[in-house]
Amino acid sequence: MQVLLKNNLGPGPGYEACNFNNTQLGLFMNPDAICDLNTTNFHVHGLHVSPEGDSDNIFKKVAPGNSTKFTIQIPKNHMGGTHWYHPHHHHATAAQAGGGAHG
């Protein structure tokens, strides 16, 4: 059985961001992946951040064998809380997030 994992862990690891504006996250897709189901991206829930550029942009794709960095600018006055991330590539979200690529 194959599952989608973040750093060979599932669900993906938590990230803590406090007292600064930016956090960078790296994302790599397995080069052996096939079809559009294995194209991914990155989306957050609960963070009031921009959907443009390298931030919470669901239209920025990462194809199999490629990697990218997402820079999320978190406002200094952002409220604390439990927020979560998951892939958001259309027609692949359920399989990827349900397979463990979330945190």
C-alpha atoms as a PDB file:
ATOM      1  CA  MET A   1       0.000   0.000   0.000  1.00  0.00           C
ATOM      2  CA  GLN A   2       1.283   3.455  -0.854  1.00  0.00           C
ATOM      3  CA  VAL A   3       0.382   6.598   1.058  1.00  0.00           C
ATOM      4  CA  LEU A   4       1.246  10.249   0.644  1.00  0.00           C
ATOM      5  CA  LEU A   5       3.505  11.421   3.430  1.00  0.00           C
ATOM      6  CA  LYS A   6       5.324  14.571   4.476  1.00  0.00           C
ATOM      7  CA  ASN A   7       8.947  13.742   5.409  1.00  0.00           C
ATOM      8  CA  ASN A   8       7.949  10.052   5.694  1.00  0.00           C
ATOM      9  CA  LEU A   9       5.534  10.947   8.504  1.00  0.00           C
ATOM     10  CA  GLY A  10       1.758  10.948   8.494  1.00  0.00           C
ATOM     11  CA  PRO A  11       0.000  13.099   9.160  1.00  0.00           C
ATOM     12  CA  GLY A  12       2.506  15.788   8.318  1.00  0.00           C
ATOM     13  CA  PRO A  13       4.516  17.524  11.029  1.00  0.00           C
ATOM     14  CA  GLY A  14       3.299  20.584  12.855  1.00  0.00           C
ATOM     15  CA  TYR A  15       4.965  23.930  12.376  1.00  0.00           C
ATOM     16  CA  GLU A  16       5.192  26.671  14.958  1.00  0.00           C
ATOM     17  CA  ALA A  17       5.394  30.279  13.853  1.00  0.00           C
ATOM     18  CA  CYS A  18       5.613  33.055  16.408  1.00  0.00           C
ATOM     19  CA  ASN A  19       7.031  36.556  16.770  1.00  0.00           C
ATOM     20  CA  PHE A  20       8.129  36.902  13.152  1.00  0.00           C
ATOM     21  CA  ASN A  21       6.600  37.764   9.805  1.00  0.00           C
ATOM     22  CA  ASN A  22       7.747  35.010   7.459  1.00  0.00           C
ATOM     23  CA  THR A  23       8.072  31.276   7.498  1.00  0.00           C
ATOM     24  CA  GLN A  24       9.394  29.158   4.631  1.00  0.00           C
ATOM     25  CA  LEU A  25       8.318  25.611   3.916  1.00  0.00           C
ATOM     26  CA  GLY A  26       9.896  23.308   1.338  1.00  0.00           C
ATOM     27  CA  LEU A  27       7.876  20.863  -0.748  1.00  0.00           C
ATOM     28  CA  PHE A  28       9.232  18.030  -2.945  1.00  0.00           C
ATOM     29  CA  MET A  29       7.201  15.655  -5.109  1.00  0.00           C
ATOM     30  CA  ASN A  30       8.358  12.079  -5.757  1.00  0.00           C
ATOM     31  CA  PRO A  31       9.749  11.872  -9.332  1.00  0.00           C
ATOM     32  CA  ASP A  32       8.244   8.377  -9.771  1.00  0.00           C
ATOM     33  CA  ALA A  33       4.712   9.713  -9.382  1.00  0.00           C
ATOM     34  CA  ILE A  34       2.319   9.374 -12.297  1.00  0.00           C
ATOM     35  CA  CYS A  35      -0.617  11.426 -13.566  1.00  0.00           C
ATOM     36  CA  ASP A  36      -2.040  14.741 -12.388  1.00  0.00           C
ATOM     37  CA  LEU A  37      -3.089  13.099  -9.126  1.00  0.00           C
ATOM     38  CA  ASN A  38       0.527  13.448  -8.025  1.00  0.00           C
ATOM     39  CA  THR A  39       0.814  17.155  -8.765  1.00  0.00           C
ATOM     40  CA  THR A  40       0.401  19.078  -5.547  1.00  0.00           C
ATOM     41  CA  ASN A  41       0.427  22.491  -3.894  1.00  0.00           C
ATOM     42  CA  PHE A  42       0.043  23.970  -0.415  1.00  0.00           C
ATOM     43  CA  HIS A  43      -2.955  25.554   1.337  1.00  0.00           C
ATOM     44  CA  VAL A  44      -3.514  26.714   4.921  1.00  0.00           C
ATOM     45  CA  HIS A  45      -6.640  27.107   7.045  1.00  0.00           C
ATOM     46  CA  GLY A  46      -6.965  29.672   9.806  1.00  0.00           C
ATOM     47  CA  LEU A  47      -4.082  31.923   8.797  1.00  0.00           C
ATOM     48  CA  HIS A  48      -5.074  35.347   7.497  1.00  0.00           C
ATOM     49  CA  VAL A  49      -2.411  35.506   4.794  1.00  0.00           C
ATOM     50  CA  SER A  50      -2.210  36.552   1.147  1.00  0.00           C
ATOM     51  CA  PRO A  51      -3.199  34.044  -1.548  1.00  0.00           C
ATOM     52  CA  GLU A  52      -0.728  35.634  -3.984  1.00  0.00           C
ATOM     53  CA  GLY A  53       2.841  34.853  -5.008  1.00  0.00           C
ATOM     54  CA  ASP A  54       4.609  32.160  -2.972  1.00  0.00           C
ATOM     55  CA  SER A  55       2.202  32.279  -0.050  1.00  0.00           C
ATOM     56  CA  ASP A  56      -1.157  30.479   0.195  1.00  0.00           C
ATOM     57  CA  ASN A  57      -1.544  30.309  -3.591  1.00  0.00           C
ATOM     58  CA  ILE A  58      -3.606  27.257  -4.584  1.00  0.00           C
ATOM     59  CA  PHE A  59      -2.723  27.855  -8.243  1.00  0.00           C
ATOM     60  CA  LYS A  60       1.030  27.350  -7.685  1.00  0.00           C
ATOM     61  CA  LYS A  61       1.675  23.737  -8.743  1.00  0.00           C
ATOM     62  CA  VAL A  62       4.501  21.362  -7.832  1.00  0.00           C
ATOM     63  CA  ALA A  63       4.828  18.593 -10.416  1.00  0.00           C
ATOM     64  CA  PRO A  64       6.402  15.180  -9.747  1.00  0.00           C
ATOM     65  CA  GLY A  65      10.196  15.435  -9.411  1.00  0.00           C
ATOM     66  CA  ASN A  66      10.094  19.166  -8.689  1.00  0.00           C
ATOM     67  CA  SER A  67      10.439  21.117  -5.474  1.00  0.00           C
ATOM     68  CA  THR A  68       9.598  24.636  -4.384  1.00  0.00           C
ATOM     69  CA  LYS A  69       9.491  26.891  -1.348  1.00  0.00           C
ATOM     70  CA  PHE A  70       6.421  28.639  -0.055  1.00  0.00           C
ATOM     71  CA  THR A  71       6.956  31.884   1.864  1.00  0.00           C
ATOM     72  CA  ILE A  72       4.032  32.681   4.125  1.00  0.00           C
ATOM     73  CA  GLN A  73       3.981  36.186   5.557  1.00  0.00           C
ATOM     74  CA  ILE A  74       2.217  35.945   8.911  1.00  0.00           C
ATOM     75  CA  PRO A  75       1.228  39.326  10.353  1.00  0.00           C
ATOM     76  CA  LYS A  76       2.842  40.208  13.696  1.00  0.00           C
ATOM     77  CA  ASN A  77      -0.600  40.762  15.223  1.00  0.00           C
ATOM     78  CA  HIS A  78      -2.033  37.444  13.985  1.00  0.00           C
ATOM     79  CA  MET A  79      -4.051  35.630  16.626  1.00  0.00           C
ATOM     80  CA  GLY A  80      -2.754  32.381  18.002  1.00  0.00           C
ATOM     81  CA  GLY A  81      -4.528  29.115  17.492  1.00  0.00           C
ATOM     82  CA  THR A  82      -4.443  25.748  15.872  1.00  0.00           C
ATOM     83  CA  HIS A  83      -4.268  26.099  12.106  1.00  0.00           C
ATOM     84  CA  TRP A  84      -3.747  23.371   9.550  1.00  0.00           C
ATOM     85  CA  TYR A  85      -2.288  22.836   6.083  1.00  0.00           C
ATOM     86  CA  HIS A  86      -3.004  20.414   3.267  1.00  0.00           C
ATOM     87  CA  PRO A  87      -2.510  20.058  -0.489  1.00  0.00           C
ATOM     88  CA  HIS A  88      -5.161  21.784  -2.570  1.00  0.00           C
ATOM     89  CA  HIS A  89      -4.561  20.689  -6.165  1.00  0.00           C
ATOM     90  CA  HIS A  90      -8.008  20.231  -7.700  1.00  0.00           C
ATOM     91  CA  HIS A  91      -9.034  16.591  -8.239  1.00  0.00           C
ATOM     92  CA  ALA A  92      -6.188  15.416  -5.971  1.00  0.00           C
ATOM     93  CA  THR A  93      -6.982  17.061  -2.616  1.00  0.00           C
ATOM     94  CA  ALA A  94      -8.956  14.169  -1.084  1.00  0.00           C
ATOM     95  CA  ALA A  95      -6.436  11.507  -2.092  1.00  0.00           C
ATOM     96  CA  GLN A  96      -3.425  13.538  -0.929  1.00  0.00           C
ATOM     97  CA  ALA A  97      -4.814  14.948   2.319  1.00  0.00           C
ATOM     98  CA  GLY A  98      -6.612  11.696   3.110  1.00  0.00           C
ATOM     99  CA  GLY A  99      -3.371   9.851   2.428  1.00  0.00           C
ATOM    100  CA  GLY A 100      -1.530  11.761   5.150  1.00  0.00           C
ATOM    101  CA  ALA A 101      -0.228  14.899   3.420  1.00  0.00           C
ATOM    102  CA  HIS A 102      -1.611  17.324   5.978  1.00  0.00           C
ATOM    103  CA  GLY A 103      -0.742  18.752   9.343  1.00  0.00           C
END
